[in-house]
């Protein structure tokens, strides 16, 4: 929305007339440019002073209501008192649709902390331009205003981490697979041969009986010979 400034044509000119105008709460000024002659004007001081505190007022196309007629203008110069908050003189330039104009527009950057480049990537915002030279009726230029870059330290850390992960993967692929040690429960039990029972000890009587058998057998043989 255009900012509107109200002014009137100033008839009295000169240093004395301008001094008297300022004492009455007015500001002398001039309107020039375009295909019309320059016009001396006067404006109310307080509304003009508040407009000057708005940065948009210095870099926007304004609407100047002069004696009931409205024109598109740009602020071109402002003279302030050396130590008082007082506007002493102001200049406006007419804006024509068929003539190029040149104006510097300051740039203000907002919401940088909400940018994905900052929140997710840890980037840094660089303000390539702090103001732009605007010329109407020029070509479709698209200059870089700001850029977001990831710090070199963060890039180096990511590259080192990626290299370490890749090296670990290669070593794991080349290393021989370790032999699995089976659990004790998985080892099959080997059936062992039961030990043979020990021979029973020979009874003394049985042993003597054996000797008796030999004796008897000998005696029998002798009887047969007879």
Protein backbone atom coordinates (compact mmCIF):
# COMPACT_ATOMS: atom_id res chain seq x y z
CA UNK A 1 0.00 0.00 0.00
CA UNK A 2 1.44 3.37 -1.04
CA UNK A 3 2.20 5.96 1.60
CA UNK A 4 0.39 9.23 1.03
CA UNK A 5 1.88 12.64 1.77
CA UNK A 6 -0.22 15.83 1.78
CA UNK A 7 1.35 19.07 0.52
CA UNK A 8 0.37 22.51 -0.76
CA UNK A 9 1.94 24.76 -3.34
CA UNK A 10 4.27 27.30 -1.75
CA UNK A 11 3.96 30.80 -3.15
CA UNK A 12 6.47 32.75 -1.07
CA UNK A 13 10.11 31.88 -1.62
CA UNK A 14 13.46 32.95 -0.25
CA UNK A 15 15.39 32.47 2.99
CA UNK A 16 13.15 34.73 5.05
CA UNK A 17 9.98 33.11 3.79
CA UNK A 18 11.34 29.62 4.52
CA UNK A 19 12.33 30.69 8.06
CA UNK A 20 8.84 32.02 8.76
CA UNK A 21 7.37 28.83 7.29
CA UNK A 22 9.39 26.64 9.68
CA UNK A 23 8.37 28.74 12.68
CA UNK A 24 4.73 28.09 11.75
CA UNK A 25 5.24 24.30 11.84
CA UNK A 26 5.69 23.86 8.09
CA UNK A 27 8.49 22.38 6.00
CA UNK A 28 9.51 23.92 2.67
CA UNK A 29 10.19 21.55 -0.21
CA UNK A 30 10.32 21.08 -3.96
CA UNK A 31 8.77 18.69 -6.47
CA UNK A 32 10.57 18.14 -9.77
CA UNK A 33 11.10 15.63 -12.58
CA UNK A 34 8.95 14.12 -15.27
CA UNK A 35 7.62 16.31 -18.02
CA UNK A 36 6.29 19.00 -15.70
CA UNK A 37 8.10 22.04 -14.32
CA UNK A 38 9.45 22.08 -10.78
CA UNK A 39 7.04 23.26 -8.08
CA UNK A 40 7.86 24.65 -4.63
CA UNK A 41 5.73 23.06 -1.94
CA UNK A 42 5.14 23.10 1.81
CA UNK A 43 4.13 20.31 4.17
CA UNK A 44 3.07 19.96 7.82
CA UNK A 45 6.13 19.15 9.88
CA UNK A 46 4.85 16.58 12.39
CA UNK A 47 3.18 14.14 9.97
CA UNK A 48 6.23 14.39 7.68
CA UNK A 49 8.63 13.73 10.56
CA UNK A 50 6.76 10.56 11.54
CA UNK A 51 6.82 9.37 7.93
CA UNK A 52 10.59 9.86 7.83
CA UNK A 53 10.99 7.47 10.76
CA UNK A 54 9.52 4.71 8.62
CA UNK A 55 12.20 3.08 6.46
CA UNK A 56 9.67 2.26 3.74
CA UNK A 57 9.17 5.97 3.25
CA UNK A 58 12.76 6.27 1.97
CA UNK A 59 12.62 3.43 -0.56
CA UNK A 60 9.02 3.28 -1.81
CA UNK A 61 6.99 4.98 -4.48
CA UNK A 62 4.90 7.52 -2.58
CA UNK A 63 1.63 9.22 -3.35
CA UNK A 64 1.86 13.00 -3.08
CA UNK A 65 -1.47 14.75 -2.74
CA UNK A 66 -0.74 18.29 -3.97
CA UNK A 67 -3.63 20.73 -4.05
CA UNK A 68 -6.11 17.90 -4.51
CA UNK A 69 -4.18 16.17 -7.35
CA UNK A 70 -2.20 12.98 -6.71
CA UNK A 71 1.16 12.10 -8.20
CA UNK A 72 3.58 9.22 -7.80
CA UNK A 73 6.86 10.45 -6.33
CA UNK A 74 10.11 9.29 -4.73
CA UNK A 75 11.87 10.88 -1.78
CA UNK A 76 15.18 12.26 -3.03
CA UNK A 77 16.67 14.43 -0.28
CA UNK A 78 16.00 15.50 3.29
CA UNK A 79 17.79 18.26 5.23
CA UNK A 80 17.63 18.03 9.02
CA UNK A 81 18.54 20.64 11.61
CA UNK A 82 22.11 20.10 12.96
CA UNK A 83 20.99 19.38 16.54
CA UNK A 84 17.19 19.63 16.63
CA UNK A 85 14.68 16.98 15.58
CA UNK A 86 13.47 19.32 12.87
CA UNK A 87 13.09 18.82 9.13
CA UNK A 88 14.35 21.90 7.31
CA UNK A 89 13.82 20.98 3.66
CA UNK A 90 12.64 18.02 1.53
CA UNK A 91 12.84 17.07 -2.17
CA UNK A 92 10.52 14.79 -4.16
CA UNK A 93 10.91 13.49 -7.71
CA UNK A 94 8.02 12.60 -9.95
CA UNK A 95 7.77 9.00 -11.21
CA UNK A 96 6.85 8.60 -14.88
CA UNK A 97 5.77 5.28 -16.37
CA UNK A 98 7.98 5.79 -19.44
CA UNK A 99 11.16 6.98 -17.69
CA UNK A 100 13.69 4.95 -15.77
CA UNK A 101 14.16 5.73 -12.11
CA UNK A 102 16.95 4.68 -9.79
CA UNK A 103 16.49 3.97 -6.10
CA UNK A 104 18.41 2.02 -3.46
CA UNK A 105 16.28 -0.36 -1.41
CA UNK A 106 17.65 -1.66 1.93
CA UNK A 107 17.22 -5.36 2.63
CA UNK A 108 16.24 -6.88 5.98
CA UNK A 109 16.35 -10.65 6.53
CA UNK A 110 13.93 -12.41 8.86
CA UNK A 111 13.32 -15.99 10.04
CA UNK A 112 16.88 -17.12 9.34
CA UNK A 113 16.74 -19.36 12.43
CA UNK A 114 13.71 -21.19 10.95
CA UNK A 115 15.46 -22.04 7.69
CA UNK A 116 15.97 -25.82 7.11
CA UNK A 117 19.55 -25.02 6.16
CA UNK A 118 20.12 -23.70 9.68
CA UNK A 119 17.94 -26.02 11.76
CA UNK A 120 18.72 -29.32 10.01
CA UNK A 121 22.10 -28.84 8.35
CA UNK A 122 23.84 -26.42 10.72
CA UNK A 123 24.49 -23.96 7.90
CA UNK A 124 25.48 -20.32 8.09
CA UNK A 125 23.56 -17.50 6.41
CA UNK A 126 25.63 -15.10 4.33
CA UNK A 127 24.11 -11.76 3.33
CA UNK A 128 25.47 -11.23 -0.15
CA UNK A 129 23.63 -7.91 -0.50
CA UNK A 130 22.42 -5.46 2.13
CA UNK A 131 20.71 -3.15 -0.35
CA UNK A 132 19.68 -3.27 -3.98
CA UNK A 133 19.83 -0.71 -6.74
CA UNK A 134 16.42 -0.75 -8.36
CA UNK A 135 15.87 0.68 -11.82
CA UNK A 136 12.46 0.57 -13.37
CA UNK A 137 12.08 -0.60 -16.97
CA UNK A 138 15.28 -2.72 -16.79
CA UNK A 139 15.72 -6.36 -17.74
CA UNK A 140 14.63 -9.33 -15.66
CA UNK A 141 17.69 -9.64 -13.48
CA UNK A 142 17.73 -12.07 -10.61
CA UNK A 143 20.73 -11.30 -8.38
CA UNK A 144 21.70 -13.48 -5.42
CA UNK A 145 20.60 -11.77 -2.23
CA UNK A 146 21.53 -14.34 0.45
CA UNK A 147 22.96 -17.84 0.61
CA UNK A 148 23.15 -20.67 3.18
CA UNK A 149 26.29 -22.79 3.42
CA UNK A 150 27.31 -25.70 5.63
CA UNK A 151 30.50 -24.89 7.60
CA UNK A 152 33.67 -26.59 6.35
CA UNK A 153 34.27 -28.16 9.75
CA UNK A 154 30.89 -29.91 9.64
CA UNK A 155 31.57 -31.15 6.10
CA UNK A 156 34.98 -32.51 7.16
CA UNK A 157 33.46 -34.37 10.11
CA UNK A 158 30.80 -35.94 7.89
CA UNK A 159 33.42 -37.01 5.34
CA UNK A 160 35.62 -38.56 8.04
CA UNK A 161 32.67 -40.44 9.51
CA UNK A 162 31.68 -41.74 6.06
CA UNK A 163 35.26 -42.82 5.31
CA UNK A 164 35.55 -44.63 8.65
CA UNK A 165 32.25 -46.44 8.05
CA UNK A 166 33.35 -47.48 4.56
CA UNK A 167 36.71 -48.75 5.85
CA UNK A 168 35.00 -50.76 8.57
CA UNK A 169 32.70 -52.33 6.00
CA UNK A 170 35.62 -53.37 3.76
CA UNK A 171 37.56 -54.91 6.66
CA UNK A 172 34.50 -56.83 7.75
CA UNK A 173 34.03 -58.26 4.25
CA UNK A 174 37.70 -59.37 3.92
CA UNK A 175 38.15 -60.85 7.41
CA UNK A 176 37.67 -64.72 7.60
CA UNK A 177 34.60 -65.82 9.38
CA UNK A 178 35.38 -66.91 12.93
CA UNK A 179 34.67 -70.58 13.65
CA UNK A 180 31.61 -70.88 15.75
CA UNK A 181 32.21 -72.55 19.09
CA UNK A 182 29.30 -74.89 19.76
CA UNK A 183 27.59 -74.78 23.06
CA UNK A 184 28.13 -77.66 25.45
CA UNK A 185 24.52 -78.74 25.09
CA UNK A 186 24.97 -79.06 21.31
CA UNK A 187 27.93 -81.52 21.52
CA UNK A 188 26.70 -85.15 21.00
CA UNK A 189 27.51 -87.59 23.82
CA UNK A 190 29.90 -90.46 22.78
CA UNK A 191 28.72 -93.85 24.00
CA UNK A 192 31.62 -95.47 25.87
CA UNK A 193 32.17 -99.21 26.25
CA UNK A 194 31.28 -100.42 29.68
CA UNK A 195 34.24 -101.90 31.61
CA UNK A 196 34.40 -105.77 31.86
CA UNK A 197 33.52 -107.16 35.27
CA UNK A 198 36.49 -108.34 37.32
CA UNK A 199 37.01 -112.16 37.65
CA UNK A 200 35.74 -113.48 41.02
CA UNK A 201 38.48 -114.47 43.42
CA UNK A 202 38.97 -118.29 43.67
CA UNK A 203 37.75 -119.73 46.91
CA UNK A 204 40.35 -121.56 48.93
CA UNK A 205 38.24 -124.64 49.18
CA UNK A 206 37.55 -124.70 45.56
CA UNK A 207 41.28 -124.50 44.95
CA UNK A 208 42.00 -127.40 47.23
CA UNK A 209 39.27 -129.37 45.67
CA UNK A 210 40.98 -128.99 42.39
CA UNK A 211 44.14 -130.46 43.76
CA UNK A 212 42.17 -133.35 45.19
CA UNK A 213 40.77 -134.06 41.79
CA UNK A 214 44.26 -134.42 40.38
CA UNK A 215 45.22 -136.75 43.17
CA UNK A 216 42.21 -138.91 42.68
CA UNK A 217 42.83 -139.06 38.98
CA UNK A 218 46.34 -140.30 39.57
CA UNK A 219 45.24 -142.98 41.85
CA UNK A 220 42.76 -144.23 39.39
CA UNK A 221 45.37 -144.57 36.75
CA UNK A 222 47.50 -146.73 38.98
CA UNK A 223 44.59 -149.07 39.71
CA UNK A 224 44.00 -149.64 36.07
CA UNK A 225 47.54 -150.65 35.52
CA UNK A 226 47.22 -153.33 38.10
